[in-house]
């Protein structure tokens, strides 16, 4: 039998590839620490794959062995993935400096060319 934790795309296998039950029909599998789950609850499934007598059998149970998922509320903070009005200051300053350093000499040259044209 295979023990695994239900995940969004594919189940996460825990323990060995094939686990045997004891005389009472119990499987002991160590669960790794740090597996996240909603409210710390993991959905475990025990799968008996391709049995000659029963086919594929799956038993599902929930256990409070996981780590609770903490929601990240950084939407209103200044970050790279925030909306336009929450752009980080270093990006704003860097962009403004680039614009000034690029267009400043061009405007200076145009102004000097205009002065030369007017002086003739």
N, C-alpha and C. Protein backbone atom coordinates (compact mmCIF):
# COMPACT_ATOMS: atom_id res chain seq x y z
N UNK A 1 0.84 -1.17 0.00
CA UNK A 1 0.00 0.00 0.00
C UNK A 1 0.88 1.23 0.00
N UNK A 2 0.37 2.26 -0.61
CA UNK A 2 1.11 3.52 -0.72
C UNK A 2 0.36 4.59 0.06
N UNK A 3 1.10 5.37 0.86
CA UNK A 3 0.50 6.46 1.63
C UNK A 3 0.94 7.77 0.99
N UNK A 4 -0.01 8.67 0.79
CA UNK A 4 0.31 9.95 0.15
C UNK A 4 -0.61 11.04 0.69
N UNK A 5 -0.15 12.28 0.50
CA UNK A 5 -0.91 13.45 0.92
C UNK A 5 -1.50 14.09 -0.33
N UNK A 6 -2.79 14.40 -0.30
CA UNK A 6 -3.42 15.03 -1.46
C UNK A 6 -2.87 16.44 -1.63
N UNK A 7 -2.50 16.76 -2.85
CA UNK A 7 -2.03 18.09 -3.23
C UNK A 7 -2.87 18.56 -4.39
N UNK A 8 -2.59 19.76 -4.88
CA UNK A 8 -3.41 20.35 -5.93
C UNK A 8 -3.29 19.60 -7.26
N UNK A 9 -2.06 19.29 -7.67
CA UNK A 9 -1.87 18.66 -8.97
C UNK A 9 -1.64 17.16 -8.85
N UNK A 10 -0.65 16.77 -8.05
CA UNK A 10 -0.32 15.36 -7.86
C UNK A 10 -0.17 15.07 -6.38
N UNK A 11 -0.51 13.86 -5.95
CA UNK A 11 -0.33 13.55 -4.53
C UNK A 11 1.15 13.47 -4.16
N UNK A 12 1.46 13.84 -2.92
CA UNK A 12 2.82 13.81 -2.40
C UNK A 12 3.00 12.49 -1.66
N UNK A 13 3.90 11.64 -2.15
CA UNK A 13 4.12 10.35 -1.52
C UNK A 13 4.93 10.53 -0.25
N UNK A 14 4.51 9.87 0.81
CA UNK A 14 5.26 9.87 2.05
C UNK A 14 5.52 8.42 2.43
N UNK A 15 6.60 8.20 3.14
CA UNK A 15 6.96 6.84 3.51
C UNK A 15 7.63 6.13 2.36
N UNK A 16 7.62 4.81 2.42
CA UNK A 16 8.26 3.99 1.39
C UNK A 16 7.32 3.83 0.20
N UNK A 17 7.86 3.21 -0.87
CA UNK A 17 7.03 2.99 -2.05
C UNK A 17 5.89 2.01 -1.78
N UNK A 18 6.18 1.01 -0.95
CA UNK A 18 5.14 0.03 -0.62
C UNK A 18 5.23 -0.26 0.87
N UNK A 19 4.14 -0.05 1.58
CA UNK A 19 4.08 -0.27 3.02
C UNK A 19 3.20 -1.48 3.30
N UNK A 20 3.61 -2.27 4.28
CA UNK A 20 2.84 -3.44 4.68
C UNK A 20 2.10 -3.15 5.98
N UNK A 21 0.94 -3.77 6.14
CA UNK A 21 0.18 -3.62 7.37
C UNK A 21 0.66 -4.64 8.39
N UNK A 22 0.43 -4.33 9.68
CA UNK A 22 0.75 -5.31 10.71
C UNK A 22 -0.44 -6.25 10.88
N UNK A 23 -0.44 -7.07 11.92
CA UNK A 23 -1.51 -8.07 12.08
C UNK A 23 -2.87 -7.44 12.38
N UNK A 24 -2.87 -6.17 12.82
CA UNK A 24 -4.13 -5.47 13.08
C UNK A 24 -4.59 -4.63 11.88
N UNK A 25 -3.84 -4.64 10.80
CA UNK A 25 -4.20 -3.87 9.61
C UNK A 25 -3.82 -2.41 9.69
N UNK A 26 -2.79 -2.09 10.49
CA UNK A 26 -2.36 -0.71 10.69
C UNK A 26 -1.03 -0.48 9.98
N UNK A 27 -0.93 0.68 9.34
CA UNK A 27 0.32 1.09 8.69
C UNK A 27 0.89 2.25 9.49
N UNK A 28 2.16 2.16 9.84
CA UNK A 28 2.85 3.26 10.52
C UNK A 28 3.79 3.92 9.53
N UNK A 29 3.51 5.19 9.24
CA UNK A 29 4.32 5.95 8.29
C UNK A 29 4.70 7.27 8.94
N UNK A 30 6.00 7.60 8.98
CA UNK A 30 6.38 8.91 9.54
C UNK A 30 6.00 10.03 8.56
N UNK A 31 5.34 11.05 9.09
CA UNK A 31 4.95 12.20 8.28
C UNK A 31 5.99 13.29 8.49
N UNK A 32 6.55 13.78 7.41
CA UNK A 32 7.57 14.82 7.49
C UNK A 32 6.98 16.09 8.08
N UNK A 33 7.78 16.78 8.86
CA UNK A 33 7.32 18.05 9.45
C UNK A 33 7.35 19.14 8.39
N UNK A 34 6.42 20.06 8.48
CA UNK A 34 6.44 21.23 7.60
C UNK A 34 5.59 21.11 6.35
N UNK A 35 4.79 20.07 6.20
CA UNK A 35 3.91 19.98 5.04
C UNK A 35 2.71 20.90 5.28
N UNK A 36 2.50 21.90 4.42
CA UNK A 36 1.40 22.85 4.67
C UNK A 36 0.04 22.26 4.30
N UNK A 37 -0.95 22.68 5.05
CA UNK A 37 -2.32 22.26 4.78
C UNK A 37 -3.27 23.33 5.28
N UNK A 38 -4.47 23.39 4.75
CA UNK A 38 -5.43 24.39 5.22
C UNK A 38 -5.77 24.14 6.69
N UNK A 39 -5.54 25.14 7.51
CA UNK A 39 -5.74 25.07 8.97
C UNK A 39 -4.91 23.96 9.61
N UNK A 40 -3.83 23.53 8.96
CA UNK A 40 -2.96 22.50 9.51
C UNK A 40 -3.48 21.09 9.34
N UNK A 41 -4.51 20.91 8.54
CA UNK A 41 -5.11 19.59 8.35
C UNK A 41 -4.65 19.02 7.01
N UNK A 42 -4.06 17.83 7.05
CA UNK A 42 -3.62 17.16 5.83
C UNK A 42 -4.65 16.10 5.45
N UNK A 43 -4.89 15.96 4.16
CA UNK A 43 -5.76 14.91 3.65
C UNK A 43 -4.87 13.77 3.19
N UNK A 44 -4.86 12.70 3.97
CA UNK A 44 -4.02 11.54 3.67
C UNK A 44 -4.85 10.52 2.91
N UNK A 45 -4.20 9.85 1.98
CA UNK A 45 -4.88 8.78 1.26
C UNK A 45 -3.96 7.57 1.21
N UNK A 46 -4.55 6.42 1.44
CA UNK A 46 -3.84 5.15 1.37
C UNK A 46 -4.36 4.45 0.12
N UNK A 47 -3.44 4.08 -0.76
CA UNK A 47 -3.82 3.54 -2.06
C UNK A 47 -3.27 2.12 -2.20
N UNK A 48 -4.15 1.21 -2.51
CA UNK A 48 -3.76 -0.14 -2.90
C UNK A 48 -3.95 -0.20 -4.41
N UNK A 49 -2.85 -0.13 -5.14
CA UNK A 49 -2.93 0.01 -6.59
C UNK A 49 -2.90 -1.35 -7.28
N UNK A 50 -3.77 -1.53 -8.23
CA UNK A 50 -3.81 -2.70 -9.11
C UNK A 50 -3.82 -4.01 -8.35
N UNK A 51 -4.74 -4.15 -7.43
CA UNK A 51 -4.91 -5.42 -6.72
C UNK A 51 -5.61 -6.40 -7.64
N UNK A 52 -5.20 -7.66 -7.60
CA UNK A 52 -5.83 -8.67 -8.46
C UNK A 52 -7.28 -8.91 -8.06
N UNK A 53 -7.55 -8.82 -6.76
CA UNK A 53 -8.91 -9.10 -6.29
C UNK A 53 -9.83 -7.88 -6.32
N UNK A 54 -9.28 -6.69 -5.99
CA UNK A 54 -10.13 -5.52 -5.79
C UNK A 54 -9.88 -4.38 -6.77
N UNK A 55 -8.85 -4.45 -7.57
CA UNK A 55 -8.51 -3.33 -8.45
C UNK A 55 -7.75 -2.28 -7.66
N UNK A 56 -8.00 -1.03 -7.94
CA UNK A 56 -7.35 0.06 -7.20
C UNK A 56 -8.31 0.54 -6.12
N UNK A 57 -7.84 0.49 -4.87
CA UNK A 57 -8.65 0.89 -3.72
C UNK A 57 -7.97 2.08 -3.06
N UNK A 58 -8.77 3.07 -2.70
CA UNK A 58 -8.23 4.28 -2.09
C UNK A 58 -9.06 4.62 -0.85
N UNK A 59 -8.36 4.82 0.28
CA UNK A 59 -9.01 5.26 1.52
C UNK A 59 -8.49 6.64 1.86
N UNK A 60 -9.39 7.57 2.15
CA UNK A 60 -9.01 8.96 2.40
C UNK A 60 -9.41 9.33 3.83
N UNK A 61 -8.48 10.00 4.53
CA UNK A 61 -8.75 10.47 5.89
C UNK A 61 -8.06 11.81 6.10
N UNK A 62 -8.55 12.56 7.06
CA UNK A 62 -7.95 13.86 7.37
C UNK A 62 -7.27 13.76 8.73
N UNK A 63 -6.09 14.40 8.83
CA UNK A 63 -5.32 14.35 10.07
C UNK A 63 -4.69 15.71 10.34
N UNK A 64 -4.64 16.14 11.60
CA UNK A 64 -4.08 17.46 11.93
C UNK A 64 -2.56 17.44 12.10
N UNK A 65 -1.83 16.99 11.09
CA UNK A 65 -0.37 16.88 11.19
C UNK A 65 0.37 17.96 10.42
N UNK A 66 -0.33 18.78 9.68
CA UNK A 66 0.33 19.76 8.82
C UNK A 66 0.58 21.08 9.52
N UNK A 67 1.21 21.96 8.78
CA UNK A 67 1.48 23.33 9.23
C UNK A 67 0.40 24.23 8.63
N UNK A 68 -0.25 25.07 9.43
CA UNK A 68 -1.28 25.95 8.87
C UNK A 68 -0.70 26.90 7.81
N UNK A 69 -1.47 27.12 6.78
CA UNK A 69 -1.06 28.04 5.71
C UNK A 69 -1.33 29.46 6.18
N UNK A 70 -0.32 30.31 6.08
CA UNK A 70 -0.45 31.70 6.48
C UNK A 70 -0.66 32.54 5.23
N UNK A 71 -1.74 33.28 5.21
CA UNK A 71 -2.04 34.13 4.05
C UNK A 71 -1.10 35.33 4.03
N UNK A 72 -0.63 35.68 2.85
CA UNK A 72 0.28 36.81 2.68
C UNK A 72 -0.54 38.02 2.25
N UNK A 73 -0.71 38.98 3.13
CA UNK A 73 -1.47 40.19 2.82
C UNK A 73 -0.54 41.34 2.50
N UNK A 74 0.31 41.16 1.52
CA UNK A 74 1.24 42.22 1.14
C UNK A 74 0.74 42.98 -0.09
N UNK A 75 -0.55 42.88 -0.40
CA UNK A 75 -1.07 43.54 -1.58
C UNK A 75 -0.99 45.06 -1.45
N UNK A 76 -1.24 45.59 -0.26
CA UNK A 76 -1.24 47.04 -0.07
C UNK A 76 0.13 47.59 0.29
N UNK A 77 1.16 46.76 0.30
CA UNK A 77 2.51 47.22 0.59
C UNK A 77 3.22 47.54 -0.72
N UNK A 78 4.30 48.28 -0.61
CA UNK A 78 5.10 48.59 -1.80
C UNK A 78 5.93 47.37 -2.15
N UNK A 79 5.65 46.78 -3.30
CA UNK A 79 6.38 45.60 -3.74
C UNK A 79 6.35 45.54 -5.27
N UNK A 80 7.13 44.66 -5.84
CA UNK A 80 7.21 44.56 -7.30
C UNK A 80 5.89 44.11 -7.92
N UNK A 81 5.10 43.34 -7.20
CA UNK A 81 3.85 42.81 -7.75
C UNK A 81 2.64 43.62 -7.29
N UNK A 82 2.87 44.76 -6.68
CA UNK A 82 1.77 45.62 -6.22
C UNK A 82 1.24 46.45 -7.39
N UNK A 83 0.08 47.10 -7.21
CA UNK A 83 -0.45 47.98 -8.26
C UNK A 83 0.46 49.18 -8.51
N UNK A 84 0.14 49.95 -9.55
CA UNK A 84 0.99 51.08 -9.94
C UNK A 84 1.19 52.10 -8.84
N UNK A 85 0.16 52.35 -8.07
CA UNK A 85 0.30 53.37 -7.03
C UNK A 85 1.10 52.89 -5.83
N UNK A 86 1.53 51.63 -5.83
CA UNK A 86 2.34 51.07 -4.74
C UNK A 86 3.71 50.61 -5.24
N UNK A 87 4.23 51.28 -6.26
CA UNK A 87 5.55 50.94 -6.79
C UNK A 87 6.61 51.26 -5.74
N UNK A 88 7.63 50.40 -5.60
CA UNK A 88 8.69 50.68 -4.62
C UNK A 88 9.42 51.98 -4.95
N UNK A 89 9.87 52.67 -3.90
CA UNK A 89 10.51 53.97 -4.08
C UNK A 89 11.79 53.88 -4.90
N UNK A 90 12.59 52.82 -4.70
CA UNK A 90 13.85 52.74 -5.44
C UNK A 90 13.61 52.60 -6.94
N UNK A 91 12.51 51.97 -7.34
CA UNK A 91 12.21 51.87 -8.77
C UNK A 91 11.76 53.23 -9.30
N UNK A 92 10.95 53.94 -8.53
CA UNK A 92 10.52 55.28 -8.96
C UNK A 92 11.72 56.21 -9.12
N UNK A 93 12.59 56.23 -8.12
CA UNK A 93 13.77 57.11 -8.16
C UNK A 93 14.68 56.72 -9.32
N UNK A 94 14.92 55.43 -9.49
CA UNK A 94 15.79 54.97 -10.57
C UNK A 94 15.22 55.34 -11.94
N UNK A 95 13.92 55.18 -12.13
CA UNK A 95 13.29 55.52 -13.41
C UNK A 95 13.35 57.01 -13.68
N UNK A 96 13.08 57.83 -12.67
CA UNK A 96 13.14 59.29 -12.86
C UNK A 96 14.56 59.73 -13.17
N UNK A 97 15.55 59.16 -12.48
CA UNK A 97 16.95 59.50 -12.77
C UNK A 97 17.34 59.10 -14.19
N UNK A 98 16.89 57.94 -14.64
CA UNK A 98 17.18 57.53 -16.02
C UNK A 98 16.57 58.51 -17.03
N UNK A 99 15.35 58.93 -16.78
CA UNK A 99 14.72 59.88 -17.69
C UNK A 99 15.45 61.21 -17.71
N UNK A 100 15.83 61.69 -16.53
CA UNK A 100 16.54 62.97 -16.46
C UNK A 100 17.91 62.87 -17.12
N UNK A 101 18.64 61.78 -16.84
CA UNK A 101 19.98 61.62 -17.41
C UNK A 101 19.94 61.37 -18.92
N UNK A 102 18.83 60.87 -19.42
CA UNK A 102 18.72 60.64 -20.87
C UNK A 102 18.25 61.90 -21.59
N UNK A 103 17.17 62.51 -21.12
CA UNK A 103 16.59 63.65 -21.81
C UNK A 103 17.24 64.97 -21.44
N UNK A 104 17.93 65.03 -20.32
CA UNK A 104 18.60 66.27 -19.91
C UNK A 104 19.62 66.76 -20.93
N UNK A 105 20.61 65.95 -21.31
CA UNK A 105 21.58 66.40 -22.32
C UNK A 105 20.94 66.70 -23.68
N UNK A 106 19.90 65.94 -24.04
CA UNK A 106 19.24 66.19 -25.33
C UNK A 106 18.57 67.57 -25.30
N UNK A 107 17.88 67.90 -24.23
CA UNK A 107 17.25 69.22 -24.11
C UNK A 107 18.31 70.32 -24.04
N UNK A 108 19.41 70.06 -23.36
CA UNK A 108 20.50 71.03 -23.28
C UNK A 108 21.06 71.31 -24.68
N UNK A 109 21.26 70.26 -25.48
CA UNK A 109 21.77 70.44 -26.85
C UNK A 109 20.76 71.19 -27.71
N UNK A 110 19.49 70.87 -27.60
CA UNK A 110 18.47 71.57 -28.38
C UNK A 110 18.42 73.05 -27.99
N UNK A 111 18.53 73.34 -26.70
CA UNK A 111 18.53 74.74 -26.24
C UNK A 111 19.74 75.49 -26.78
N UNK A 112 20.92 74.86 -26.77
CA UNK A 112 22.12 75.50 -27.31
C UNK A 112 22.01 75.71 -28.82
N UNK A 113 21.44 74.74 -29.53
CA UNK A 113 21.25 74.91 -30.97
C UNK A 113 20.27 76.06 -31.25
N UNK A 114 19.25 76.20 -30.44
CA UNK A 114 18.30 77.30 -30.59
C UNK A 114 18.98 78.65 -30.33
N UNK A 115 19.86 78.70 -29.33
CA UNK A 115 20.59 79.94 -29.03
C UNK A 115 21.53 80.30 -30.18
N UNK A 116 22.18 79.29 -30.74
CA UNK A 116 23.08 79.53 -31.87
C UNK A 116 22.28 80.05 -33.06
N UNK A 117 21.13 79.46 -33.31
CA UNK A 117 20.28 79.88 -34.41
C UNK A 117 19.79 81.33 -34.21
N UNK A 118 19.42 81.69 -32.99
CA UNK A 118 18.93 83.04 -32.70
C UNK A 118 20.04 84.08 -32.76
N UNK A 119 21.27 83.68 -32.45
CA UNK A 119 22.37 84.65 -32.43
C UNK A 119 22.82 85.03 -33.84
N UNK A 120 22.50 84.30 -34.84
CA UNK A 120 22.95 84.61 -36.19
C UNK A 120 22.08 85.59 -36.88
